[in-house]
Amino acid sequence: MGTASVDATGVRRAAFGIPTRFVHEADYGELETGQTSLDFAGHHMGADNLPAGYVAADTAHSPLGIEIALVTEQVAEAHARAVNAGATSIKEPSVKPWGRPTLPWRETMFHHSWRKMG
């Protein structure tokens, strides 16, 4: 199995309990998010789909300028579970000016922030 898609789905499953919809051996995985899915592709698929090249998130020195934000009431707990599952904490928790706590972390595919709803 492709490790990038498995890692990407596994971190979210560990942090949020989001079920895996599908994992293919060729570096592709989908998470069940209701009527849509959240999909992750590994480097093999990235090279195949983007023959002109792309920036690999796991080899870039700085986090990429994108975010997938998942909302939970248990921000600190989700962050700890993600780090325990292999994510890397980017910085200490902070509260945004509008009152939401944010705990950004990074793993093999993307930069993420956990936020509390409300």
PDB file of N, CA and C in Angstrom:
ATOM      1  N   MET A   1       0.824  -1.182   0.000  1.00  0.00           N
ATOM      2  CA  MET A   1       0.000   0.000   0.000  1.00  0.00           C
ATOM      3  C   MET A   1       0.864   1.239   0.000  1.00  0.00           C
ATOM      4  N   GLY A   2       0.374   2.302  -0.616  1.00  0.00           N
ATOM      5  CA  GLY A   2       1.109   3.556  -0.629  1.00  0.00           C
ATOM      6  C   GLY A   2       1.112   4.182   0.749  1.00  0.00           C
ATOM      7  N   THR A   3       2.293   4.497   1.240  1.00  0.00           N
ATOM      8  CA  THR A   3       2.375   4.985   2.611  1.00  0.00           C
ATOM      9  C   THR A   3       1.810   6.383   2.776  1.00  0.00           C
ATOM     10  N   ALA A   4       1.903   7.235   1.765  1.00  0.00           N
ATOM     11  CA  ALA A   4       1.417   8.610   1.922  1.00  0.00           C
ATOM     12  C   ALA A   4      -0.085   8.636   2.151  1.00  0.00           C
ATOM     13  N   SER A   5      -0.855   7.908   1.343  1.00  0.00           N
ATOM     14  CA  SER A   5      -2.299   7.931   1.515  1.00  0.00           C
ATOM     15  C   SER A   5      -2.697   7.228   2.794  1.00  0.00           C
ATOM     16  N   VAL A   6      -2.025   6.152   3.148  1.00  0.00           N
ATOM     17  CA  VAL A   6      -2.329   5.447   4.385  1.00  0.00           C
ATOM     18  C   VAL A   6      -2.018   6.335   5.584  1.00  0.00           C
ATOM     19  N   ASP A   7      -0.863   7.022   5.582  1.00  0.00           N
ATOM     20  CA  ASP A   7      -0.517   7.940   6.663  1.00  0.00           C
ATOM     21  C   ASP A   7      -1.533   9.065   6.768  1.00  0.00           C
ATOM     22  N   ALA A   8      -1.911   9.638   5.640  1.00  0.00           N
ATOM     23  CA  ALA A   8      -2.840  10.760   5.634  1.00  0.00           C
ATOM     24  C   ALA A   8      -4.202  10.349   6.172  1.00  0.00           C
ATOM     25  N   THR A   9      -4.687   9.199   5.787  1.00  0.00           N
ATOM     26  CA  THR A   9      -5.981   8.758   6.308  1.00  0.00           C
ATOM     27  C   THR A   9      -5.847   8.320   7.758  1.00  0.00           C
ATOM     28  N   GLY A  10      -4.731   7.698   8.116  1.00  0.00           N
ATOM     29  CA  GLY A  10      -4.543   7.204   9.479  1.00  0.00           C
ATOM     30  C   GLY A  10      -4.455   8.300  10.520  1.00  0.00           C
ATOM     31  N   VAL A  11      -3.789   9.402  10.208  1.00  0.00           N
ATOM     32  CA  VAL A  11      -3.678  10.511  11.157  1.00  0.00           C
ATOM     33  C   VAL A  11      -5.058  11.084  11.446  1.00  0.00           C
ATOM     34  N   ARG A  12      -5.869  11.279  10.442  1.00  0.00           N
ATOM     35  CA  ARG A  12      -7.207  11.823  10.646  1.00  0.00           C
ATOM     36  C   ARG A  12      -8.129  10.842  11.357  1.00  0.00           C
ATOM     37  N   ARG A  13      -7.979   9.578  11.038  1.00  0.00           N
ATOM     38  CA  ARG A  13      -8.770   8.554  11.732  1.00  0.00           C
ATOM     39  C   ARG A  13      -8.410   8.563  13.221  1.00  0.00           C
ATOM     40  N   ALA A  14      -7.115   8.677  13.526  1.00  0.00           N
ATOM     41  CA  ALA A  14      -6.671   8.697  14.922  1.00  0.00           C
ATOM     42  C   ALA A  14      -7.127   9.968  15.637  1.00  0.00           C
ATOM     43  N   ALA A  15      -7.013  11.110  14.987  1.00  0.00           N
ATOM     44  CA  ALA A  15      -7.337  12.386  15.625  1.00  0.00           C
ATOM     45  C   ALA A  15      -8.837  12.602  15.774  1.00  0.00           C
ATOM     46  N   PHE A  16      -9.609  12.240  14.758  1.00  0.00           N
ATOM     47  CA  PHE A  16     -11.031  12.559  14.731  1.00  0.00           C
ATOM     48  C   PHE A  16     -11.956  11.358  14.656  1.00  0.00           C
ATOM     49  N   GLY A  17     -11.412  10.188  14.399  1.00  0.00           N
ATOM     50  CA  GLY A  17     -12.279   9.029  14.215  1.00  0.00           C
ATOM     51  C   GLY A  17     -12.984   9.044  12.875  1.00  0.00           C
ATOM     52  N   ILE A  18     -12.450   9.785  11.899  1.00  0.00           N
ATOM     53  CA  ILE A  18     -13.061   9.829  10.565  1.00  0.00           C
ATOM     54  C   ILE A  18     -12.788   8.499   9.875  1.00  0.00           C
ATOM     55  N   PRO A  19     -13.824   7.787   9.474  1.00  0.00           N
ATOM     56  CA  PRO A  19     -13.605   6.473   8.866  1.00  0.00           C
ATOM     57  C   PRO A  19     -12.984   6.563   7.467  1.00  0.00           C
ATOM     58  N   THR A  20     -12.181   5.574   7.147  1.00  0.00           N
ATOM     59  CA  THR A  20     -11.603   5.465   5.813  1.00  0.00           C
ATOM     60  C   THR A  20     -12.652   4.897   4.878  1.00  0.00           C
ATOM     61  N   ARG A  21     -12.872   5.564   3.755  1.00  0.00           N
ATOM     62  CA  ARG A  21     -13.820   5.079   2.752  1.00  0.00           C
ATOM     63  C   ARG A  21     -13.138   4.072   1.840  1.00  0.00           C
ATOM     64  N   PHE A  22     -11.878   4.382   1.473  1.00  0.00           N
ATOM     65  CA  PHE A  22     -11.202   3.558   0.477  1.00  0.00           C
ATOM     66  C   PHE A  22      -9.706   3.838   0.519  1.00  0.00           C
ATOM     67  N   VAL A  23      -8.876   2.815   0.429  1.00  0.00           N
ATOM     68  CA  VAL A  23      -7.438   2.965   0.262  1.00  0.00           C
ATOM     69  C   VAL A  23      -7.020   2.041  -0.865  1.00  0.00           C
ATOM     70  N   HIS A  24      -6.307   2.578  -1.840  1.00  0.00           N
ATOM     71  CA  HIS A  24      -5.808   1.788  -2.958  1.00  0.00           C
ATOM     72  C   HIS A  24      -4.305   1.627  -2.807  1.00  0.00           C
ATOM     73  N   GLU A  25      -3.794   0.517  -3.236  1.00  0.00           N
ATOM     74  CA  GLU A  25      -2.367   0.223  -3.088  1.00  0.00           C
ATOM     75  C   GLU A  25      -1.468   1.198  -3.832  1.00  0.00           C
ATOM     76  N   ALA A  26      -2.004   1.940  -4.781  1.00  0.00           N
ATOM     77  CA  ALA A  26      -1.190   2.858  -5.579  1.00  0.00           C
ATOM     78  C   ALA A  26      -1.212   4.272  -5.012  1.00  0.00           C
ATOM     79  N   ASP A  27      -1.020   4.417  -3.702  1.00  0.00           N
ATOM     80  CA  ASP A  27      -0.884   5.731  -3.073  1.00  0.00           C
ATOM     81  C   ASP A  27      -2.122   6.607  -3.139  1.00  0.00           C
ATOM     82  N   TYR A  28      -3.282   6.060  -2.857  1.00  0.00           N
ATOM     83  CA  TYR A  28      -4.502   6.860  -2.882  1.00  0.00           C
ATOM     84  C   TYR A  28      -5.423   6.406  -1.762  1.00  0.00           C
ATOM     85  N   GLY A  29      -5.997   7.368  -1.042  1.00  0.00           N
ATOM     86  CA  GLY A  29      -6.937   7.050   0.016  1.00  0.00           C
ATOM     87  C   GLY A  29      -8.022   8.090   0.131  1.00  0.00           C
ATOM     88  N   GLU A  30      -9.196   7.659   0.589  1.00  0.00           N
ATOM     89  CA  GLU A  30     -10.333   8.549   0.779  1.00  0.00           C
ATOM     90  C   GLU A  30     -10.878   8.381   2.183  1.00  0.00           C
ATOM     91  N   LEU A  31     -11.275   9.496   2.799  1.00  0.00           N
ATOM     92  CA  LEU A  31     -11.942   9.473   4.087  1.00  0.00           C
ATOM     93  C   LEU A  31     -13.416   9.754   3.882  1.00  0.00           C
ATOM     94  N   GLU A  32     -14.246   9.108   4.646  1.00  0.00           N
ATOM     95  CA  GLU A  32     -15.699   9.282   4.586  1.00  0.00           C
ATOM     96  C   GLU A  32     -16.080  10.552   5.325  1.00  0.00           C
ATOM     97  N   THR A  33     -16.624  11.517   4.625  1.00  0.00           N
ATOM     98  CA  THR A  33     -17.025  12.776   5.255  1.00  0.00           C
ATOM     99  C   THR A  33     -18.480  13.112   4.956  1.00  0.00           C
ATOM    100  N   GLY A  34     -19.297  12.112   4.743  1.00  0.00           N
ATOM    101  CA  GLY A  34     -20.704  12.354   4.430  1.00  0.00           C
ATOM    102  C   GLY A  34     -20.944  12.231   2.948  1.00  0.00           C
ATOM    103  N   GLN A  35     -21.531  13.258   2.360  1.00  0.00           N
ATOM    104  CA  GLN A  35     -21.841  13.221   0.933  1.00  0.00           C
ATOM    105  C   GLN A  35     -20.610  13.409   0.058  1.00  0.00           C
ATOM    106  N   THR A  36     -19.516  13.850   0.641  1.00  0.00           N
ATOM    107  CA  THR A  36     -18.268  14.035  -0.096  1.00  0.00           C
ATOM    108  C   THR A  36     -17.182  13.196   0.563  1.00  0.00           C
ATOM    109  N   SER A  37     -16.025  13.181  -0.037  1.00  0.00           N
ATOM    110  CA  SER A  37     -14.897  12.498   0.596  1.00  0.00           C
ATOM    111  C   SER A  37     -13.703  13.432   0.600  1.00  0.00           C
ATOM    112  N   LEU A  38     -12.801  13.202   1.520  1.00  0.00           N
ATOM    113  CA  LEU A  38     -11.545  13.928   1.613  1.00  0.00           C
ATOM    114  C   LEU A  38     -10.480  12.962   1.127  1.00  0.00           C
ATOM    115  N   ASP A  39      -9.834  13.283   0.002  1.00  0.00           N
ATOM    116  CA  ASP A  39      -8.950  12.345  -0.677  1.00  0.00           C
ATOM    117  C   ASP A  39      -7.491  12.761  -0.568  1.00  0.00           C
ATOM    118  N   PHE A  40      -6.603  11.755  -0.536  1.00  0.00           N
ATOM    119  CA  PHE A  40      -5.168  11.976  -0.422  1.00  0.00           C
ATOM    120  C   PHE A  40      -4.450  11.077  -1.402  1.00  0.00           C
ATOM    121  N   ALA A  41      -3.476  11.647  -2.096  1.00  0.00           N
ATOM    122  CA  ALA A  41      -2.678  10.882  -3.054  1.00  0.00           C
ATOM    123  C   ALA A  41      -1.211  10.975  -2.681  1.00  0.00           C
ATOM    124  N   GLY A  42      -0.501   9.893  -2.887  1.00  0.00           N
ATOM    125  CA  GLY A  42       0.926   9.845  -2.602  1.00  0.00           C
ATOM    126  C   GLY A  42       1.744  10.378  -3.762  1.00  0.00           C
ATOM    127  N   HIS A  43       3.053  10.362  -3.602  1.00  0.00           N
ATOM    128  CA  HIS A  43       3.955  10.927  -4.600  1.00  0.00           C
ATOM    129  C   HIS A  43       3.910  10.204  -5.945  1.00  0.00           C
ATOM    130  N   HIS A  44       3.740   8.906  -5.927  1.00  0.00           N
ATOM    131  CA  HIS A  44       3.658   8.168  -7.196  1.00  0.00           C
ATOM    132  C   HIS A  44       2.492   8.695  -8.031  1.00  0.00           C
ATOM    133  N   MET A  45       1.335   8.855  -7.397  1.00  0.00           N
ATOM    134  CA  MET A  45       0.166   9.367  -8.112  1.00  0.00           C
ATOM    135  C   MET A  45       0.362  10.840  -8.476  1.00  0.00           C
ATOM    136  N   GLY A  46       1.012  11.603  -7.606  1.00  0.00           N
ATOM    137  CA  GLY A  46       1.274  13.002  -7.914  1.00  0.00           C
ATOM    138  C   GLY A  46       2.141  13.155  -9.145  1.00  0.00           C
ATOM    139  N   ALA A  47       3.181  12.341  -9.241  1.00  0.00           N
ATOM    140  CA  ALA A  47       4.061  12.389 -10.414  1.00  0.00           C
ATOM    141  C   ALA A  47       3.323  11.967 -11.672  1.00  0.00           C
ATOM    142  N   ASP A  48       2.433  11.002 -11.541  1.00  0.00           N
ATOM    143  CA  ASP A  48       1.660  10.533 -12.691  1.00  0.00           C
ATOM    144  C   ASP A  48       0.645  11.585 -13.136  1.00  0.00           C
ATOM    145  N   ASN A  49      -0.042  12.217 -12.178  1.00  0.00           N
ATOM    146  CA  ASN A  49      -1.068  13.211 -12.514  1.00  0.00           C
ATOM    147  C   ASN A  49      -0.496  14.573 -12.877  1.00  0.00           C
ATOM    148  N   LEU A  50       0.694  14.893 -12.378  1.00  0.00           N
ATOM    149  CA  LEU A  50       1.295  16.211 -12.579  1.00  0.00           C
ATOM    150  C   LEU A  50       2.690  16.059 -13.181  1.00  0.00           C
ATOM    151  N   PRO A  51       2.767  15.657 -14.445  1.00  0.00           N
ATOM    152  CA  PRO A  51       4.072  15.354 -15.050  1.00  0.00           C
ATOM    153  C   PRO A  51       5.021  16.546 -15.130  1.00  0.00           C
ATOM    154  N   ALA A  52       4.509  17.780 -15.040  1.00  0.00           N
ATOM    155  CA  ALA A  52       5.382  18.957 -15.074  1.00  0.00           C
ATOM    156  C   ALA A  52       6.024  19.215 -13.711  1.00  0.00           C
ATOM    157  N   GLY A  53       5.609  18.439 -12.690  1.00  0.00           N
ATOM    158  CA  GLY A  53       6.188  18.573 -11.366  1.00  0.00           C
ATOM    159  C   GLY A  53       5.251  19.210 -10.366  1.00  0.00           C
ATOM    160  N   TYR A  54       5.605  19.084  -9.095  1.00  0.00           N
ATOM    161  CA  TYR A  54       4.821  19.645  -8.002  1.00  0.00           C
ATOM    162  C   TYR A  54       5.731  19.791  -6.778  1.00  0.00           C
ATOM    163  N   VAL A  55       5.279  20.540  -5.776  1.00  0.00           N
ATOM    164  CA  VAL A  55       6.025  20.703  -4.545  1.00  0.00           C
ATOM    165  C   VAL A  55       5.539  19.637  -3.567  1.00  0.00           C
ATOM    166  N   ALA A  56       6.425  18.780  -3.131  1.00  0.00           N
ATOM    167  CA  ALA A  56       6.074  17.725  -2.182  1.00  0.00           C
ATOM    168  C   ALA A  56       6.033  18.309  -0.773  1.00  0.00           C
ATOM    169  N   ALA A  57       4.887  18.180  -0.116  1.00  0.00           N
ATOM    170  CA  ALA A  57       4.711  18.761   1.217  1.00  0.00           C
ATOM    171  C   ALA A  57       5.694  18.190   2.233  1.00  0.00           C
ATOM    172  N   ASP A  58       6.011  16.920   2.128  1.00  0.00           N
ATOM    173  CA  ASP A  58       6.869  16.313   3.146  1.00  0.00           C
ATOM    174  C   ASP A  58       8.345  16.608   2.947  1.00  0.00           C
ATOM    175  N   THR A  59       8.732  17.156   1.800  1.00  0.00           N
ATOM    176  CA  THR A  59      10.136  17.505   1.591  1.00  0.00           C
ATOM    177  C   THR A  59      10.365  19.016   1.579  1.00  0.00           C
ATOM    178  N   ALA A  60       9.294  19.808   1.578  1.00  0.00           N
ATOM    179  CA  ALA A  60       9.418  21.257   1.613  1.00  0.00           C
ATOM    180  C   ALA A  60       9.867  21.682   3.008  1.00  0.00           C
ATOM    181  N   HIS A  61      10.805  22.636   3.067  1.00  0.00           N
ATOM    182  CA  HIS A  61      11.316  23.114   4.357  1.00  0.00           C
ATOM    183  C   HIS A  61      10.198  23.740   5.189  1.00  0.00           C
ATOM    184  N   SER A  62       9.397  24.576   4.575  1.00  0.00           N
ATOM    185  CA  SER A  62       8.298  25.254   5.263  1.00  0.00           C
ATOM    186  C   SER A  62       6.977  24.590   4.896  1.00  0.00           C
ATOM    187  N   PRO A  63       5.978  24.704   5.781  1.00  0.00           N
ATOM    188  CA  PRO A  63       4.658  24.177   5.429  1.00  0.00           C
ATOM    189  C   PRO A  63       4.121  24.871   4.187  1.00  0.00           C
ATOM    190  N   LEU A  64       3.351  24.143   3.401  1.00  0.00           N
ATOM    191  CA  LEU A  64       2.742  24.722   2.212  1.00  0.00           C
ATOM    192  C   LEU A  64       1.685  25.735   2.618  1.00  0.00           C
ATOM    193  N   GLY A  65       1.368  26.647   1.722  1.00  0.00           N
ATOM    194  CA  GLY A  65       0.392  27.699   2.001  1.00  0.00           C
ATOM    195  C   GLY A  65      -1.035  27.241   1.777  1.00  0.00           C
ATOM    196  N   ILE A  66      -1.369  26.063   2.267  1.00  0.00           N
ATOM    197  CA  ILE A  66      -2.739  25.554   2.193  1.00  0.00           C
ATOM    198  C   ILE A  66      -3.131  25.029   3.561  1.00  0.00           C
ATOM    199  N   GLU A  67      -4.409  24.873   3.756  1.00  0.00           N
ATOM    200  CA  GLU A  67      -4.882  24.365   5.032  1.00  0.00           C
ATOM    201  C   GLU A  67      -6.118  23.520   4.805  1.00  0.00           C
ATOM    202  N   ILE A  68      -6.188  22.424   5.512  1.00  0.00           N
ATOM    203  CA  ILE A  68      -7.421  21.665   5.638  1.00  0.00           C
ATOM    204  C   ILE A  68      -7.802  21.829   7.093  1.00  0.00           C
ATOM    205  N   ALA A  69      -8.893  22.513   7.348  1.00  0.00           N
ATOM    206  CA  ALA A  69      -9.306  22.767   8.729  1.00  0.00           C
ATOM    207  C   ALA A  69     -10.486  21.863   9.062  1.00  0.00           C
ATOM    208  N   LEU A  70     -10.329  21.072  10.102  1.00  0.00           N
ATOM    209  CA  LEU A  70     -11.400  20.237  10.616  1.00  0.00           C
ATOM    210  C   LEU A  70     -11.780  20.797  11.972  1.00  0.00           C
ATOM    211  N   VAL A  71     -13.056  20.861  12.238  1.00  0.00           N
ATOM    212  CA  VAL A  71     -13.553  21.519  13.439  1.00  0.00           C
ATOM    213  C   VAL A  71     -13.986  20.479  14.462  1.00  0.00           C
ATOM    214  N   THR A  72     -13.607  20.710  15.704  1.00  0.00           N
ATOM    215  CA  THR A  72     -13.959  19.819  16.805  1.00  0.00           C
ATOM    216  C   THR A  72     -14.112  20.619  18.079  1.00  0.00           C
ATOM    217  N   GLU A  73     -14.849  20.094  19.016  1.00  0.00           N
ATOM    218  CA  GLU A  73     -14.940  20.704  20.343  1.00  0.00           C
ATOM    219  C   GLU A  73     -13.725  20.331  21.185  1.00  0.00           C
ATOM    220  N   GLN A  74     -13.046  19.232  20.853  1.00  0.00           N
ATOM    221  CA  GLN A  74     -11.902  18.738  21.615  1.00  0.00           C
ATOM    222  C   GLN A  74     -10.601  19.038  20.869  1.00  0.00           C
ATOM    223  N   VAL A  75     -10.255  20.314  20.768  1.00  0.00           N
ATOM    224  CA  VAL A  75      -9.113  20.751  19.978  1.00  0.00           C
ATOM    225  C   VAL A  75      -7.805  20.143  20.483  1.00  0.00           C
ATOM    226  N   ALA A  76      -7.511  20.309  21.755  1.00  0.00           N
ATOM    227  CA  ALA A  76      -6.234  19.824  22.293  1.00  0.00           C
ATOM    228  C   ALA A  76      -6.129  18.310  22.191  1.00  0.00           C
ATOM    229  N   GLU A  77      -7.218  17.603  22.444  1.00  0.00           N
ATOM    230  CA  GLU A  77      -7.201  16.145  22.366  1.00  0.00           C
ATOM    231  C   GLU A  77      -6.964  15.662  20.940  1.00  0.00           C
ATOM    232  N   ALA A  78      -7.628  16.290  19.960  1.00  0.00           N
ATOM    233  CA  ALA A  78      -7.436  15.916  18.552  1.00  0.00           C
ATOM    234  C   ALA A  78      -6.004  16.180  18.121  1.00  0.00           C
ATOM    235  N   HIS A  79      -5.447  17.304  18.562  1.00  0.00           N
ATOM    236  CA  HIS A  79      -4.066  17.641  18.236  1.00  0.00           C
ATOM    237  C   HIS A  79      -3.116  16.591  18.811  1.00  0.00           C
ATOM    238  N   ALA A  80      -3.311  16.213  20.062  1.00  0.00           N
ATOM    239  CA  ALA A  80      -2.452  15.209  20.701  1.00  0.00           C
ATOM    240  C   ALA A  80      -2.556  13.864  19.982  1.00  0.00           C
ATOM    241  N   ARG A  81      -3.764  13.467  19.607  1.00  0.00           N
ATOM    242  CA  ARG A  81      -3.928  12.198  18.892  1.00  0.00           C
ATOM    243  C   ARG A  81      -3.243  12.243  17.528  1.00  0.00           C
ATOM    244  N   ALA A  82      -3.322  13.385  16.836  1.00  0.00           N
ATOM    245  CA  ALA A  82      -2.655  13.518  15.538  1.00  0.00           C
ATOM    246  C   ALA A  82      -1.146  13.404  15.693  1.00  0.00           C
ATOM    247  N   VAL A  83      -0.590  14.083  16.683  1.00  0.00           N
ATOM    248  CA  VAL A  83       0.859  14.027  16.920  1.00  0.00           C
ATOM    249  C   VAL A  83       1.266  12.600  17.302  1.00  0.00           C
ATOM    250  N   ASN A  84       0.480  11.946  18.128  1.00  0.00           N
ATOM    251  CA  ASN A  84       0.771  10.560  18.504  1.00  0.00           C
ATOM    252  C   ASN A  84       0.714   9.615  17.306  1.00  0.00           C
ATOM    253  N   ALA A  85      -0.078   9.984  16.287  1.00  0.00           N
ATOM    254  CA  ALA A  85      -0.206   9.150  15.086  1.00  0.00           C
ATOM    255  C   ALA A  85       0.836   9.494  14.026  1.00  0.00           C
ATOM    256  N   GLY A  86       1.736  10.476  14.304  1.00  0.00           N
ATOM    257  CA  GLY A  86       2.823  10.759  13.377  1.00  0.00           C
ATOM    258  C   GLY A  86       2.885  12.174  12.851  1.00  0.00           C
ATOM    259  N   ALA A  87       1.925  13.029  13.192  1.00  0.00           N
ATOM    260  CA  ALA A  87       1.977  14.428  12.756  1.00  0.00           C
ATOM    261  C   ALA A  87       3.030  15.173  13.575  1.00  0.00           C
ATOM    262  N   THR A  88       3.474  16.321  13.077  1.00  0.00           N
ATOM    263  CA  THR A  88       4.443  17.167  13.773  1.00  0.00           C
ATOM    264  C   THR A  88       3.770  18.484  14.123  1.00  0.00           C
ATOM    265  N   SER A  89       3.824  18.868  15.391  1.00  0.00           N
ATOM    266  CA  SER A  89       3.252  20.138  15.811  1.00  0.00           C
ATOM    267  C   SER A  89       4.063  21.271  15.195  1.00  0.00           C
ATOM    268  N   ILE A  90       3.403  22.267  14.633  1.00  0.00           N
ATOM    269  CA  ILE A  90       4.092  23.389  13.986  1.00  0.00           C
ATOM    270  C   ILE A  90       4.430  24.479  14.991  1.00  0.00           C
ATOM    271  N   LYS A  91       3.505  24.774  15.892  1.00  0.00           N
ATOM    272  CA  LYS A  91       3.743  25.813  16.890  1.00  0.00           C
ATOM    273  C   LYS A  91       2.815  25.579  18.064  1.00  0.00           C
ATOM    274  N   GLU A  92       3.030  26.350  19.118  1.00  0.00           N
ATOM    275  CA  GLU A  92       2.200  26.239  20.315  1.00  0.00           C
ATOM    276  C   GLU A  92       0.764  26.670  19.990  1.00  0.00           C
ATOM    277  N   PRO A  93      -0.192  26.154  20.741  1.00  0.00           N
ATOM    278  CA  PRO A  93      -1.587  26.559  20.526  1.00  0.00           C
ATOM    279  C   PRO A  93      -1.746  28.068  20.660  1.00  0.00           C
ATOM    280  N   SER A  94      -2.691  28.595  19.905  1.00  0.00           N
ATOM    281  CA  SER A  94      -2.994  30.018  19.998  1.00  0.00           C
ATOM    282  C   SER A  94      -4.492  30.214  19.820  1.00  0.00           C
ATOM    283  N   VAL A  95      -4.970  31.362  20.253  1.00  0.00           N
ATOM    284  CA  VAL A  95      -6.374  31.710  20.080  1.00  0.00           C
ATOM    285  C   VAL A  95      -6.439  32.844  19.073  1.00  0.00           C
ATOM    286  N   LYS A  96      -7.229  32.641  18.033  1.00  0.00           N
ATOM    287  CA  LYS A  96      -7.370  33.668  16.997  1.00  0.00           C
ATOM    288  C   LYS A  96      -8.144  34.864  17.548  1.00  0.00           C
ATOM    289  N   PRO A  97      -8.010  36.051  16.915  1.00  0.00           N
ATOM    290  CA  PRO A  97      -8.709  37.244  17.406  1.00  0.00           C
ATOM    291  C   PRO A  97     -10.223  37.057  17.529  1.00  0.00           C
ATOM    292  N   TRP A  98     -10.790  36.148  16.771  1.00  0.00           N
ATOM    293  CA  TRP A  98     -12.231  35.923  16.837  1.00  0.00           C
ATOM    294  C   TRP A  98     -12.591  34.852  17.871  1.00  0.00           C
ATOM    295  N   GLY A  99     -11.585  34.396  18.649  1.00  0.00           N
ATOM    296  CA  GLY A  99     -11.855  33.538  19.787  1.00  0.00           C
ATOM    297  C   GLY A  99     -11.676  32.046  19.594  1.00  0.00           C
ATOM    298  N   ARG A 100     -11.296  31.596  18.436  1.00  0.00           N
ATOM    299  CA  ARG A 100     -11.134  30.161  18.205  1.00  0.00           C
ATOM    300  C   ARG A 100      -9.722  29.702  18.503  1.00  0.00           C
ATOM    301  N   PRO A 101      -9.589  28.663  19.348  1.00  0.00           N
ATOM    302  CA  PRO A 101      -8.258  28.098  19.558  1.00  0.00           C
ATOM    303  C   PRO A 101      -7.814  27.329  18.320  1.00  0.00           C
ATOM    304  N   THR A 102      -6.538  27.442  17.968  1.00  0.00           N
ATOM    305  CA  THR A 102      -5.991  26.770  16.800  1.00  0.00           C
ATOM    306  C   THR A 102      -4.693  26.087  17.194  1.00  0.00           C
ATOM    307  N   LEU A 103      -4.533  24.853  16.737  1.00  0.00           N
ATOM    308  CA  LEU A 103      -3.342  24.061  17.026  1.00  0.00           C
ATOM    309  C   LEU A 103      -2.827  23.490  15.713  1.00  0.00           C
ATOM    310  N   PRO A 104      -2.005  24.226  14.980  1.00  0.00           N
ATOM    311  CA  PRO A 104      -1.546  23.733  13.678  1.00  0.00           C
ATOM    312  C   PRO A 104      -0.535  22.607  13.792  1.00  0.00           C
ATOM    313  N   TRP A 105      -0.615  21.664  12.863  1.00  0.00           N
ATOM    314  CA  TRP A 105       0.341  20.579  12.783  1.00  0.00           C
ATOM    315  C   TRP A 105       0.586  20.225  11.337  1.00  0.00           C
ATOM    316  N   ARG A 106       1.602  19.432  11.103  1.00  0.00           N
ATOM    317  CA  ARG A 106       2.026  19.071   9.755  1.00  0.00           C
ATOM    318  C   ARG A 106       2.285  17.576   9.714  1.00  0.00           C
ATOM    319  N   GLU A 107       1.926  16.973   8.589  1.00  0.00           N
ATOM    320  CA  GLU A 107       2.279  15.570   8.382  1.00  0.00           C
ATOM    321  C   GLU A 107       2.664  15.389   6.927  1.00  0.00           C
ATOM    322  N   THR A 108       2.716  14.190   6.437  1.00  0.00           N
ATOM    323  CA  THR A 108       3.326  13.933   5.135  1.00  0.00           C
ATOM    324  C   THR A 108       2.625  14.608   3.970  1.00  0.00           C
ATOM    325  N   MET A 109       1.405  15.020   4.124  1.00  0.00           N
ATOM    326  CA  MET A 109       0.677  15.549   2.977  1.00  0.00           C
ATOM    327  C   MET A 109       0.416  17.055   3.041  1.00  0.00           C
ATOM    328  N   PHE A 110      -0.022  17.579   4.180  1.00  0.00           N
ATOM    329  CA  PHE A 110      -0.495  18.955   4.246  1.00  0.00           C
ATOM    330  C   PHE A 110      -0.166  19.609   5.574  1.00  0.00           C
ATOM    331  N   HIS A 111      -0.486  20.874   5.669  1.00  0.00           N
ATOM    332  CA  HIS A 111      -0.470  21.647   6.924  1.00  0.00           C
ATOM    333  C   HIS A 111      -1.925  21.712   7.370  1.00  0.00           C
ATOM    334  N   HIS A 112      -2.177  21.490   8.637  1.00  0.00           N
ATOM    335  CA  HIS A 112      -3.533  21.460   9.165  1.00  0.00           C
ATOM    336  C   HIS A 112      -3.655  22.340  10.382  1.00  0.00           C
ATOM    337  N   SER A 113      -4.862  22.757  10.646  1.00  0.00           N
ATOM    338  CA  SER A 113      -5.175  23.453  11.889  1.00  0.00           C
ATOM    339  C   SER A 113      -6.425  22.840  12.473  1.00  0.00           C
ATOM    340  N   TRP A 114      -6.414  22.597  13.754  1.00  0.00           N
ATOM    341  CA  TRP A 114      -7.611  22.147  14.454  1.00  0.00           C
ATOM    342  C   TRP A 114      -8.220  23.357  15.106  1.00  0.00           C
ATOM    343  N   ARG A 115      -9.513  23.516  14.950  1.00  0.00           N
ATOM    344  CA  ARG A 115     -10.204  24.671  15.529  1.00  0.00           C
ATOM    345  C   ARG A 115     -11.410  24.202  16.311  1.00  0.00           C
ATOM    346  N   LYS A 116     -11.746  24.965  17.302  1.00  0.00           N
ATOM    347  CA  LYS A 116     -12.963  24.696  18.062  1.00  0.00           C
ATOM    348  C   LYS A 116     -14.100  25.484  17.425  1.00  0.00           C
ATOM    349  N   MET A 117     -15.219  24.839  17.232  1.00  0.00           N
ATOM    350  CA  MET A 117     -16.390  25.487  16.654  1.00  0.00           C
ATOM    351  C   MET A 117     -17.002  26.428  17.671  1.00  0.00           C
ATOM    352  N   GLY A 118     -17.461  27.588  17.205  1.00  0.00           N
ATOM    353  CA  GLY A 118     -18.213  28.474  18.076  1.00  0.00           C
ATOM    354  C   GLY A 118     -17.531  29.740  18.426  1.00  0.00           C
TER     355      GLY A 118
END
